[in-house]
Amino acid sequence: MSGCDTTSACDLHVTIRCSSISSDWKICGETSKLQDDNFPVWPEVYTFEHTPGTSQRWRFDLVDEDVAFNDVIATFDVIVDTYAATTGNLYQLPLPGNEVKGVFWIHRRL
């Protein structure tokens, strides 16, 4: 990951939001902040219930924390039915835009 800050590496954390056909977006997890790290791997592990056909979604907000203000680097929406139908233990979400380069990975514990 590059391009978060001009003078140092990224200071990142992730806010995880969940929704379904029966509930609006709510915060269902938040990682710790990893300072000065352009290749963050967060130690947190989250477990979510999945009910097929309920339009469940996850939203991952990748946030660079700074002294003056926080920058949302990227937001990823994941349709849980689509995620559940994939195989393997890694789910790749490329970072949008040209300012920041990298990939956001969701690691599935099988």
PDB file of N, CA and C in Angstrom:
ATOM      1  N   MET A   1       0.862  -1.153   0.000  1.00  0.00           N
ATOM      2  CA  MET A   1       0.000   0.000   0.000  1.00  0.00           C
ATOM      3  C   MET A   1       0.908   1.215   0.000  1.00  0.00           C
ATOM      4  N   SER A   2       0.663   2.124  -0.866  1.00  0.00           N
ATOM      5  CA  SER A   2       1.479   3.336  -0.888  1.00  0.00           C
ATOM      6  C   SER A   2       0.591   4.524  -1.226  1.00  0.00           C
ATOM      7  N   GLY A   3       1.082   5.702  -0.874  1.00  0.00           N
ATOM      8  CA  GLY A   3       0.358   6.906  -1.230  1.00  0.00           C
ATOM      9  C   GLY A   3      -0.569   7.424  -0.148  1.00  0.00           C
ATOM     10  N   CYS A   4      -0.558   6.832   1.037  1.00  0.00           N
ATOM     11  CA  CYS A   4      -1.434   7.320   2.110  1.00  0.00           C
ATOM     12  C   CYS A   4      -0.983   8.691   2.588  1.00  0.00           C
ATOM     13  N   ASP A   5       0.305   8.790   2.926  1.00  0.00           N
ATOM     14  CA  ASP A   5       0.866  10.030   3.451  1.00  0.00           C
ATOM     15  C   ASP A   5       2.087  10.415   2.629  1.00  0.00           C
ATOM     16  N   THR A   6       2.392  11.707   2.615  1.00  0.00           N
ATOM     17  CA  THR A   6       3.553  12.163   1.849  1.00  0.00           C
ATOM     18  C   THR A   6       4.847  12.037   2.636  1.00  0.00           C
ATOM     19  N   THR A   7       4.767  12.027   3.977  1.00  0.00           N
ATOM     20  CA  THR A   7       5.997  12.030   4.783  1.00  0.00           C
ATOM     21  C   THR A   7       6.253  10.735   5.531  1.00  0.00           C
ATOM     22  N   SER A   8       5.293   9.820   5.560  1.00  0.00           N
ATOM     23  CA  SER A   8       5.498   8.568   6.291  1.00  0.00           C
ATOM     24  C   SER A   8       4.632   7.477   5.677  1.00  0.00           C
ATOM     25  N   ALA A   9       4.762   6.290   6.226  1.00  0.00           N
ATOM     26  CA  ALA A   9       3.934   5.170   5.784  1.00  0.00           C
ATOM     27  C   ALA A   9       2.513   5.338   6.328  1.00  0.00           C
ATOM     28  N   CYS A  10       1.623   4.464   5.917  1.00  0.00           N
ATOM     29  CA  CYS A  10       0.213   4.536   6.314  1.00  0.00           C
ATOM     30  C   CYS A  10       0.021   4.200   7.794  1.00  0.00           C
ATOM     31  N   ASP A  11      -0.973   4.819   8.409  1.00  0.00           N
ATOM     32  CA  ASP A  11      -1.410   4.526   9.785  1.00  0.00           C
ATOM     33  C   ASP A  11      -2.846   4.031   9.676  1.00  0.00           C
ATOM     34  N   LEU A  12      -3.023   2.735   9.458  1.00  0.00           N
ATOM     35  CA  LEU A  12      -4.320   2.211   9.024  1.00  0.00           C
ATOM     36  C   LEU A  12      -5.079   1.423  10.074  1.00  0.00           C
ATOM     37  N   HIS A  13      -6.401   1.543   9.985  1.00  0.00           N
ATOM     38  CA  HIS A  13      -7.307   0.629  10.672  1.00  0.00           C
ATOM     39  C   HIS A  13      -8.496   0.392   9.753  1.00  0.00           C
ATOM     40  N   VAL A  14      -9.268  -0.660  10.061  1.00  0.00           N
ATOM     41  CA  VAL A  14     -10.421  -1.014   9.247  1.00  0.00           C
ATOM     42  C   VAL A  14     -11.665  -1.012  10.132  1.00  0.00           C
ATOM     43  N   THR A  15     -12.707  -0.322   9.662  1.00  0.00           N
ATOM     44  CA  THR A  15     -14.016  -0.390  10.297  1.00  0.00           C
ATOM     45  C   THR A  15     -14.876  -1.326   9.454  1.00  0.00           C
ATOM     46  N   ILE A  16     -15.489  -2.316  10.106  1.00  0.00           N
ATOM     47  CA  ILE A  16     -16.322  -3.288   9.400  1.00  0.00           C
ATOM     48  C   ILE A  16     -17.773  -3.004   9.743  1.00  0.00           C
ATOM     49  N   ARG A  17     -18.593  -2.845   8.702  1.00  0.00           N
ATOM     50  CA  ARG A  17     -20.028  -2.628   8.877  1.00  0.00           C
ATOM     51  C   ARG A  17     -20.765  -3.812   8.264  1.00  0.00           C
ATOM     52  N   CYS A  18     -21.898  -4.149   8.847  1.00  0.00           N
ATOM     53  CA  CYS A  18     -22.706  -5.271   8.372  1.00  0.00           C
ATOM     54  C   CYS A  18     -24.137  -4.795   8.132  1.00  0.00           C
ATOM     55  N   SER A  19     -24.800  -5.408   7.148  1.00  0.00           N
ATOM     56  CA  SER A  19     -26.216  -5.134   6.906  1.00  0.00           C
ATOM     57  C   SER A  19     -26.858  -6.371   6.308  1.00  0.00           C
ATOM     58  N   SER A  20     -28.173  -6.376   6.321  1.00  0.00           N
ATOM     59  CA  SER A  20     -28.936  -7.461   5.686  1.00  0.00           C
ATOM     60  C   SER A  20     -30.295  -6.897   5.298  1.00  0.00           C
ATOM     61  N   ILE A  21     -31.135  -7.760   4.758  1.00  0.00           N
ATOM     62  CA  ILE A  21     -32.469  -7.332   4.346  1.00  0.00           C
ATOM     63  C   ILE A  21     -33.282  -6.837   5.552  1.00  0.00           C
ATOM     64  N   SER A  22     -32.936  -7.320   6.748  1.00  0.00           N
ATOM     65  CA  SER A  22     -33.705  -6.948   7.943  1.00  0.00           C
ATOM     66  C   SER A  22     -33.003  -5.926   8.834  1.00  0.00           C
ATOM     67  N   SER A  23     -31.787  -5.474   8.463  1.00  0.00           N
ATOM     68  CA  SER A  23     -31.100  -4.493   9.310  1.00  0.00           C
ATOM     69  C   SER A  23     -30.263  -3.538   8.466  1.00  0.00           C
ATOM     70  N   ASP A  24     -30.239  -2.270   8.892  1.00  0.00           N
ATOM     71  CA  ASP A  24     -29.416  -1.255   8.242  1.00  0.00           C
ATOM     72  C   ASP A  24     -27.953  -1.479   8.634  1.00  0.00           C
ATOM     73  N   TRP A  25     -27.070  -0.681   8.043  1.00  0.00           N
ATOM     74  CA  TRP A  25     -25.651  -0.785   8.352  1.00  0.00           C
ATOM     75  C   TRP A  25     -25.400  -0.526   9.831  1.00  0.00           C
ATOM     76  N   LYS A  26     -24.570  -1.372  10.429  1.00  0.00           N
ATOM     77  CA  LYS A  26     -24.123  -1.171  11.808  1.00  0.00           C
ATOM     78  C   LYS A  26     -22.668  -1.603  11.891  1.00  0.00           C
ATOM     79  N   ILE A  27     -21.929  -1.007  12.799  1.00  0.00           N
ATOM     80  CA  ILE A  27     -20.534  -1.396  12.985  1.00  0.00           C
ATOM     81  C   ILE A  27     -20.513  -2.751  13.668  1.00  0.00           C
ATOM     82  N   CYS A  28     -19.825  -3.701  13.041  1.00  0.00           N
ATOM     83  CA  CYS A  28     -19.748  -5.051  13.614  1.00  0.00           C
ATOM     84  C   CYS A  28     -18.304  -5.473  13.862  1.00  0.00           C
ATOM     85  N   GLY A  29     -17.369  -4.540  13.723  1.00  0.00           N
ATOM     86  CA  GLY A  29     -15.974  -4.828  14.032  1.00  0.00           C
ATOM     87  C   GLY A  29     -15.081  -3.655  13.682  1.00  0.00           C
ATOM     88  N   GLU A  30     -13.946  -3.583  14.359  1.00  0.00           N
ATOM     89  CA  GLU A  30     -12.958  -2.546  14.057  1.00  0.00           C
ATOM     90  C   GLU A  30     -11.586  -3.069  14.469  1.00  0.00           C
ATOM     91  N   THR A  31     -10.625  -2.930  13.572  1.00  0.00           N
ATOM     92  CA  THR A  31      -9.282  -3.420  13.867  1.00  0.00           C
ATOM     93  C   THR A  31      -8.502  -2.394  14.675  1.00  0.00           C
ATOM     94  N   SER A  32      -7.368  -2.832  15.178  1.00  0.00           N
ATOM     95  CA  SER A  32      -6.429  -1.911  15.797  1.00  0.00           C
ATOM     96  C   SER A  32      -5.772  -1.079  14.700  1.00  0.00           C
ATOM     97  N   LYS A  33      -5.135   0.032  15.103  1.00  0.00           N
ATOM     98  CA  LYS A  33      -4.418   0.867  14.143  1.00  0.00           C
ATOM     99  C   LYS A  33      -2.984   0.364  14.053  1.00  0.00           C
ATOM    100  N   LEU A  34      -2.512   0.140  12.834  1.00  0.00           N
ATOM    101  CA  LEU A  34      -1.122  -0.235  12.611  1.00  0.00           C
ATOM    102  C   LEU A  34      -0.397   0.984  12.063  1.00  0.00           C
ATOM    103  N   GLN A  35       0.544   1.500  12.848  1.00  0.00           N
ATOM    104  CA  GLN A  35       1.232   2.743  12.484  1.00  0.00           C
ATOM    105  C   GLN A  35       2.405   2.498  11.557  1.00  0.00           C
ATOM    106  N   ASP A  36       2.600   3.434  10.638  1.00  0.00           N
ATOM    107  CA  ASP A  36       3.746   3.447   9.736  1.00  0.00           C
ATOM    108  C   ASP A  36       3.974   2.085   9.090  1.00  0.00           C
ATOM    109  N   ASP A  37       2.924   1.575   8.457  1.00  0.00           N
ATOM    110  CA  ASP A  37       2.986   0.237   7.861  1.00  0.00           C
ATOM    111  C   ASP A  37       2.271   0.250   6.510  1.00  0.00           C
ATOM    112  N   ASN A  38       3.037   0.122   5.438  1.00  0.00           N
ATOM    113  CA  ASN A  38       2.436   0.096   4.108  1.00  0.00           C
ATOM    114  C   ASN A  38       1.993  -1.301   3.693  1.00  0.00           C
ATOM    115  N   PHE A  39       2.260  -2.301   4.527  1.00  0.00           N
ATOM    116  CA  PHE A  39       1.867  -3.679   4.248  1.00  0.00           C
ATOM    117  C   PHE A  39       1.204  -4.280   5.483  1.00  0.00           C
ATOM    118  N   PRO A  40       0.093  -3.696   5.946  1.00  0.00           N
ATOM    119  CA  PRO A  40      -0.496  -4.122   7.215  1.00  0.00           C
ATOM    120  C   PRO A  40      -1.156  -5.499   7.132  1.00  0.00           C
ATOM    121  N   VAL A  41      -0.989  -6.255   8.203  1.00  0.00           N
ATOM    122  CA  VAL A  41      -1.714  -7.511   8.416  1.00  0.00           C
ATOM    123  C   VAL A  41      -2.239  -7.415   9.848  1.00  0.00           C
ATOM    124  N   TRP A  42      -3.547  -7.277   9.983  1.00  0.00           N
ATOM    125  CA  TRP A  42      -4.133  -7.076  11.298  1.00  0.00           C
ATOM    126  C   TRP A  42      -4.265  -8.402  12.036  1.00  0.00           C
ATOM    127  N   PRO A  43      -4.055  -8.387  13.357  1.00  0.00           N
ATOM    128  CA  PRO A  43      -4.127  -9.629  14.130  1.00  0.00           C
ATOM    129  C   PRO A  43      -5.555 -10.070  14.471  1.00  0.00           C
ATOM    130  N   GLU A  44      -6.518  -9.177  14.331  1.00  0.00           N
ATOM    131  CA  GLU A  44      -7.891  -9.499  14.727  1.00  0.00           C
ATOM    132  C   GLU A  44      -8.504 -10.562  13.815  1.00  0.00           C
ATOM    133  N   VAL A  45      -9.367 -11.375  14.425  1.00  0.00           N
ATOM    134  CA  VAL A  45     -10.123 -12.398  13.699  1.00  0.00           C
ATOM    135  C   VAL A  45     -11.594 -12.185  14.035  1.00  0.00           C
ATOM    136  N   TYR A  46     -12.444 -12.181  13.017  1.00  0.00           N
ATOM    137  CA  TYR A  46     -13.881 -11.966  13.215  1.00  0.00           C
ATOM    138  C   TYR A  46     -14.650 -13.166  12.686  1.00  0.00           C
ATOM    139  N   THR A  47     -15.730 -13.494  13.365  1.00  0.00           N
ATOM    140  CA  THR A  47     -16.613 -14.574  12.941  1.00  0.00           C
ATOM    141  C   THR A  47     -18.006 -13.982  12.772  1.00  0.00           C
ATOM    142  N   PHE A  48     -18.609 -14.218  11.604  1.00  0.00           N
ATOM    143  CA  PHE A  48     -19.937 -13.691  11.308  1.00  0.00           C
ATOM    144  C   PHE A  48     -20.863 -14.834  10.917  1.00  0.00           C
ATOM    145  N   GLU A  49     -22.088 -14.768  11.371  1.00  0.00           N
ATOM    146  CA  GLU A  49     -23.106 -15.727  10.956  1.00  0.00           C
ATOM    147  C   GLU A  49     -23.531 -15.410   9.528  1.00  0.00           C
ATOM    148  N   HIS A  50     -23.815 -16.444   8.745  1.00  0.00           N
ATOM    149  CA  HIS A  50     -24.279 -16.238   7.372  1.00  0.00           C
ATOM    150  C   HIS A  50     -25.571 -17.000   7.167  1.00  0.00           C
ATOM    151  N   THR A  51     -26.595 -16.292   6.721  1.00  0.00           N
ATOM    152  CA  THR A  51     -27.872 -16.901   6.364  1.00  0.00           C
ATOM    153  C   THR A  51     -28.092 -16.644   4.880  1.00  0.00           C
ATOM    154  N   PRO A  52     -27.950 -17.679   4.043  1.00  0.00           N
ATOM    155  CA  PRO A  52     -28.080 -17.483   2.596  1.00  0.00           C
ATOM    156  C   PRO A  52     -29.428 -16.845   2.224  1.00  0.00           C
ATOM    157  N   GLY A  53     -29.385 -15.965   1.205  1.00  0.00           N
ATOM    158  CA  GLY A  53     -30.597 -15.362   0.679  1.00  0.00           C
ATOM    159  C   GLY A  53     -31.147 -14.196   1.478  1.00  0.00           C
ATOM    160  N   THR A  54     -30.391 -13.667   2.448  1.00  0.00           N
ATOM    161  CA  THR A  54     -30.885 -12.550   3.259  1.00  0.00           C
ATOM    162  C   THR A  54     -30.244 -11.218   2.887  1.00  0.00           C
ATOM    163  N   SER A  55     -29.574 -11.178   1.750  1.00  0.00           N
ATOM    164  CA  SER A  55     -28.929  -9.945   1.262  1.00  0.00           C
ATOM    165  C   SER A  55     -27.905  -9.390   2.246  1.00  0.00           C
ATOM    166  N   GLN A  56     -27.212 -10.269   2.953  1.00  0.00           N
ATOM    167  CA  GLN A  56     -26.180  -9.808   3.876  1.00  0.00           C
ATOM    168  C   GLN A  56     -25.031  -9.179   3.107  1.00  0.00           C
ATOM    169  N   ARG A  57     -24.499  -8.083   3.680  1.00  0.00           N
ATOM    170  CA  ARG A  57     -23.361  -7.389   3.083  1.00  0.00           C
ATOM    171  C   ARG A  57     -22.396  -6.978   4.178  1.00  0.00           C
ATOM    172  N   TRP A  58     -21.142  -6.909   3.802  1.00  0.00           N
ATOM    173  CA  TRP A  58     -20.103  -6.341   4.652  1.00  0.00           C
ATOM    174  C   TRP A  58     -19.548  -5.125   3.940  1.00  0.00           C
ATOM    175  N   ARG A  59     -19.209  -4.120   4.703  1.00  0.00           N
ATOM    176  CA  ARG A  59     -18.527  -2.942   4.168  1.00  0.00           C
ATOM    177  C   ARG A  59     -17.254  -2.750   4.993  1.00  0.00           C
ATOM    178  N   PHE A  60     -16.141  -2.688   4.298  1.00  0.00           N
ATOM    179  CA  PHE A  60     -14.846  -2.476   4.942  1.00  0.00           C
ATOM    180  C   PHE A  60     -14.373  -1.071   4.591  1.00  0.00           C
ATOM    181  N   ASP A  61     -14.229  -0.218   5.609  1.00  0.00           N
ATOM    182  CA  ASP A  61     -13.698   1.134   5.423  1.00  0.00           C
ATOM    183  C   ASP A  61     -12.239   1.119   5.854  1.00  0.00           C
ATOM    184  N   LEU A  62     -11.338   1.320   4.907  1.00  0.00           N
ATOM    185  CA  LEU A  62      -9.904   1.360   5.172  1.00  0.00           C
ATOM    186  C   LEU A  62      -9.540   2.812   5.458  1.00  0.00           C
ATOM    187  N   VAL A  63      -9.121   3.093   6.693  1.00  0.00           N
ATOM    188  CA  VAL A  63      -8.934   4.468   7.163  1.00  0.00           C
ATOM    189  C   VAL A  63      -7.479   4.718   7.547  1.00  0.00           C
ATOM    190  N   ASP A  64      -6.911   5.797   7.012  1.00  0.00           N
ATOM    191  CA  ASP A  64      -5.574   6.258   7.383  1.00  0.00           C
ATOM    192  C   ASP A  64      -5.746   7.338   8.438  1.00  0.00           C
ATOM    193  N   GLU A  65      -5.271   7.064   9.653  1.00  0.00           N
ATOM    194  CA  GLU A  65      -5.410   8.023  10.759  1.00  0.00           C
ATOM    195  C   GLU A  65      -4.228   8.975  10.769  1.00  0.00           C
ATOM    196  N   ASP A  66      -4.533  10.257  10.853  1.00  0.00           N
ATOM    197  CA  ASP A  66      -3.499  11.288  10.920  1.00  0.00           C
ATOM    198  C   ASP A  66      -3.797  12.221  12.086  1.00  0.00           C
ATOM    199  N   VAL A  67      -2.837  13.091  12.392  1.00  0.00           N
ATOM    200  CA  VAL A  67      -3.001  14.026  13.508  1.00  0.00           C
ATOM    201  C   VAL A  67      -4.138  15.002  13.226  1.00  0.00           C
ATOM    202  N   ALA A  68      -4.158  15.582  12.037  1.00  0.00           N
ATOM    203  CA  ALA A  68      -5.155  16.604  11.709  1.00  0.00           C
ATOM    204  C   ALA A  68      -6.528  16.006  11.405  1.00  0.00           C
ATOM    205  N   PHE A  69      -6.571  14.931  10.637  1.00  0.00           N
ATOM    206  CA  PHE A  69      -7.846  14.321  10.262  1.00  0.00           C
ATOM    207  C   PHE A  69      -7.586  12.913   9.731  1.00  0.00           C
ATOM    208  N   ASN A  70      -8.643  12.132   9.608  1.00  0.00           N
ATOM    209  CA  ASN A  70      -8.554  10.769   9.094  1.00  0.00           C
ATOM    210  C   ASN A  70      -9.027  10.739   7.646  1.00  0.00           C
ATOM    211  N   ASP A  71      -8.331   9.958   6.832  1.00  0.00           N
ATOM    212  CA  ASP A  71      -8.687   9.817   5.424  1.00  0.00           C
ATOM    213  C   ASP A  71      -9.235   8.415   5.175  1.00  0.00           C
ATOM    214  N   VAL A  72     -10.412   8.328   4.564  1.00  0.00           N
ATOM    215  CA  VAL A  72     -10.903   7.030   4.123  1.00  0.00           C
ATOM    216  C   VAL A  72     -10.186   6.727   2.815  1.00  0.00           C
ATOM    217  N   ILE A  73      -9.317   5.729   2.838  1.00  0.00           N
ATOM    218  CA  ILE A  73      -8.511   5.369   1.669  1.00  0.00           C
ATOM    219  C   ILE A  73      -9.356   4.613   0.655  1.00  0.00           C
ATOM    220  N   ALA A  74     -10.201   3.721   1.148  1.00  0.00           N
ATOM    221  CA  ALA A  74     -11.048   2.925   0.252  1.00  0.00           C
ATOM    222  C   ALA A  74     -12.198   2.339   1.055  1.00  0.00           C
ATOM    223  N   THR A  75     -13.292   2.070   0.367  1.00  0.00           N
ATOM    224  CA  THR A  75     -14.437   1.376   0.939  1.00  0.00           C
ATOM    225  C   THR A  75     -14.767   0.201   0.028  1.00  0.00           C
ATOM    226  N   PHE A  76     -14.910  -0.967   0.629  1.00  0.00           N
ATOM    227  CA  PHE A  76     -15.214  -2.181  -0.119  1.00  0.00           C
ATOM    228  C   PHE A  76     -16.541  -2.738   0.359  1.00  0.00           C
ATOM    229  N   ASP A  77     -17.451  -2.985  -0.563  1.00  0.00           N
ATOM    230  CA  ASP A  77     -18.717  -3.655  -0.247  1.00  0.00           C
ATOM    231  C   ASP A  77     -18.618  -5.092  -0.725  1.00  0.00           C
ATOM    232  N   VAL A  78     -18.967  -6.025   0.144  1.00  0.00           N
ATOM    233  CA  VAL A  78     -18.918  -7.442  -0.187  1.00  0.00           C
ATOM    234  C   VAL A  78     -20.307  -8.034   0.014  1.00  0.00           C
ATOM    235  N   ILE A  79     -20.832  -8.677  -1.022  1.00  0.00           N
ATOM    236  CA  ILE A  79     -22.083  -9.414  -0.903  1.00  0.00           C
ATOM    237  C   ILE A  79     -21.723 -10.764  -0.308  1.00  0.00           C
ATOM    238  N   VAL A  80     -22.254 -11.072   0.862  1.00  0.00           N
ATOM    239  CA  VAL A  80     -21.826 -12.246   1.606  1.00  0.00           C
ATOM    240  C   VAL A  80     -22.169 -13.541   0.871  1.00  0.00           C
ATOM    241  N   ASP A  81     -23.310 -13.618   0.182  1.00  0.00           N
ATOM    242  CA  ASP A  81     -23.630 -14.825  -0.587  1.00  0.00           C
ATOM    243  C   ASP A  81     -22.565 -15.084  -1.654  1.00  0.00           C
ATOM    244  N   THR A  82     -22.064 -14.034  -2.294  1.00  0.00           N
ATOM    245  CA  THR A  82     -21.011 -14.179  -3.308  1.00  0.00           C
ATOM    246  C   THR A  82     -19.716 -14.649  -2.661  1.00  0.00           C
ATOM    247  N   TYR A  83     -19.361 -14.027  -1.546  1.00  0.00           N
ATOM    248  CA  TYR A  83     -18.155 -14.418  -0.807  1.00  0.00           C
ATOM    249  C   TYR A  83     -18.241 -15.882  -0.377  1.00  0.00           C
ATOM    250  N   ALA A  84     -19.392 -16.285   0.161  1.00  0.00           N
ATOM    251  CA  ALA A  84     -19.565 -17.652   0.652  1.00  0.00           C
ATOM    252  C   ALA A  84     -19.470 -18.684  -0.474  1.00  0.00           C
ATOM    253  N   ALA A  85     -19.815 -18.280  -1.695  1.00  0.00           N
ATOM    254  CA  ALA A  85     -19.792 -19.209  -2.831  1.00  0.00           C
ATOM    255  C   ALA A  85     -18.388 -19.390  -3.413  1.00  0.00           C
ATOM    256  N   THR A  86     -17.431 -18.536  -3.008  1.00  0.00           N
ATOM    257  CA  THR A  86     -16.077 -18.661  -3.539  1.00  0.00           C
ATOM    258  C   THR A  86     -15.328 -19.772  -2.817  1.00  0.00           C
ATOM    259  N   THR A  87     -14.305 -20.282  -3.475  1.00  0.00           N
ATOM    260  CA  THR A  87     -13.481 -21.314  -2.858  1.00  0.00           C
ATOM    261  C   THR A  87     -12.142 -20.710  -2.466  1.00  0.00           C
ATOM    262  N   GLY A  88     -11.419 -21.428  -1.670  1.00  0.00           N
ATOM    263  CA  GLY A  88     -10.113 -20.946  -1.233  1.00  0.00           C
ATOM    264  C   GLY A  88     -10.225 -20.117   0.027  1.00  0.00           C
ATOM    265  N   ASN A  89      -9.070 -19.734   0.555  1.00  0.00           N
ATOM    266  CA  ASN A  89      -9.082 -19.002   1.815  1.00  0.00           C
ATOM    267  C   ASN A  89      -8.735 -17.526   1.695  1.00  0.00           C
ATOM    268  N   LEU A  90      -8.535 -17.017   0.461  1.00  0.00           N
ATOM    269  CA  LEU A  90      -8.263 -15.597   0.280  1.00  0.00           C
ATOM    270  C   LEU A  90      -9.260 -14.993  -0.694  1.00  0.00           C
ATOM    271  N   TYR A  91      -9.767 -13.818  -0.344  1.00  0.00           N
ATOM    272  CA  TYR A  91     -10.727 -13.092  -1.169  1.00  0.00           C
ATOM    273  C   TYR A  91     -10.100 -11.739  -1.466  1.00  0.00           C
ATOM    274  N   GLN A  92      -9.836 -11.440  -2.722  1.00  0.00           N
ATOM    275  CA  GLN A  92      -9.083 -10.257  -3.125  1.00  0.00           C
ATOM    276  C   GLN A  92      -9.995  -9.107  -3.516  1.00  0.00           C
ATOM    277  N   LEU A  93      -9.684  -7.901  -2.987  1.00  0.00           N
ATOM    278  CA  LEU A  93     -10.397  -6.678  -3.333  1.00  0.00           C
ATOM    279  C   LEU A  93      -9.363  -5.622  -3.721  1.00  0.00           C
ATOM    280  N   PRO A  94      -9.177  -5.351  -5.032  1.00  0.00           N
ATOM    281  CA  PRO A  94      -8.195  -4.347  -5.460  1.00  0.00           C
ATOM    282  C   PRO A  94      -8.573  -2.954  -4.960  1.00  0.00           C
ATOM    283  N   LEU A  95      -7.563  -2.181  -4.592  1.00  0.00           N
ATOM    284  CA  LEU A  95      -7.802  -0.810  -4.161  1.00  0.00           C
ATOM    285  C   LEU A  95      -8.170   0.043  -5.367  1.00  0.00           C
ATOM    286  N   PRO A  96      -9.242   0.830  -5.254  1.00  0.00           N
ATOM    287  CA  PRO A  96      -9.663   1.673  -6.383  1.00  0.00           C
ATOM    288  C   PRO A  96      -8.795   2.915  -6.516  1.00  0.00           C
ATOM    289  N   GLY A  97      -8.831   3.523  -7.681  1.00  0.00           N
ATOM    290  CA  GLY A  97      -8.155   4.805  -7.889  1.00  0.00           C
ATOM    291  C   GLY A  97      -6.685   4.659  -8.214  1.00  0.00           C
ATOM    292  N   ASN A  98      -6.072   5.790  -8.492  1.00  0.00           N
ATOM    293  CA  ASN A  98      -4.665   5.813  -8.881  1.00  0.00           C
ATOM    294  C   ASN A  98      -3.748   6.305  -7.771  1.00  0.00           C
ATOM    295  N   GLU A  99      -4.295   6.897  -6.709  1.00  0.00           N
ATOM    296  CA  GLU A  99      -3.451   7.485  -5.672  1.00  0.00           C
ATOM    297  C   GLU A  99      -2.801   6.418  -4.797  1.00  0.00           C
ATOM    298  N   VAL A 100      -3.549   5.373  -4.469  1.00  0.00           N
ATOM    299  CA  VAL A 100      -3.055   4.325  -3.584  1.00  0.00           C
ATOM    300  C   VAL A 100      -2.978   3.031  -4.378  1.00  0.00           C
ATOM    301  N   LYS A 101      -1.874   2.351  -4.257  1.00  0.00           N
ATOM    302  CA  LYS A 101      -1.696   1.087  -4.965  1.00  0.00           C
ATOM    303  C   LYS A 101      -1.721  -0.051  -3.954  1.00  0.00           C
ATOM    304  N   GLY A 102      -2.362  -1.143  -4.324  1.00  0.00           N
ATOM    305  CA  GLY A 102      -2.348  -2.304  -3.445  1.00  0.00           C
ATOM    306  C   GLY A 102      -3.607  -3.115  -3.561  1.00  0.00           C
ATOM    307  N   VAL A 103      -3.710  -4.105  -2.700  1.00  0.00           N
ATOM    308  CA  VAL A 103      -4.841  -5.025  -2.675  1.00  0.00           C
ATOM    309  C   VAL A 103      -5.250  -5.244  -1.231  1.00  0.00           C
ATOM    310  N   PHE A 104      -6.542  -5.298  -0.993  1.00  0.00           N
ATOM    311  CA  PHE A 104      -7.097  -5.619   0.331  1.00  0.00           C
ATOM    312  C   PHE A 104      -7.548  -7.074   0.267  1.00  0.00           C
ATOM    313  N   TRP A 105      -7.076  -7.889   1.194  1.00  0.00           N
ATOM    314  CA  TRP A 105      -7.402  -9.314   1.197  1.00  0.00           C
ATOM    315  C   TRP A 105      -8.243  -9.645   2.419  1.00  0.00           C
ATOM    316  N   ILE A 106      -9.255 -10.475   2.223  1.00  0.00           N
ATOM    317  CA  ILE A 106      -9.994 -11.071   3.331  1.00  0.00           C
ATOM    318  C   ILE A 106      -9.508 -12.510   3.427  1.00  0.00           C
ATOM    319  N   HIS A 107      -9.019 -12.888   4.603  1.00  0.00           N
ATOM    320  CA  HIS A 107      -8.503 -14.246   4.806  1.00  0.00           C
ATOM    321  C   HIS A 107      -9.565 -15.067   5.521  1.00  0.00           C
ATOM    322  N   ARG A 108     -10.017 -16.097   4.838  1.00  0.00           N
ATOM    323  CA  ARG A 108     -11.049 -16.983   5.398  1.00  0.00           C
ATOM    324  C   ARG A 108     -10.346 -18.097   6.160  1.00  0.00           C
ATOM    325  N   ARG A 109     -10.772 -18.305   7.392  1.00  0.00           N
ATOM    326  CA  ARG A 109     -10.256 -19.415   8.195  1.00  0.00           C
ATOM    327  C   ARG A 109     -11.103 -20.630   7.891  1.00  0.00           C
ATOM    328  N   LEU A 110     -10.530 -21.625   7.231  1.00  0.00           N
ATOM    329  CA  LEU A 110     -11.276 -22.823   6.862  1.00  0.00           C
ATOM    330  C   LEU A 110     -11.191 -23.879   7.940  1.00  0.00           C
TER     331      LEU A 110
END
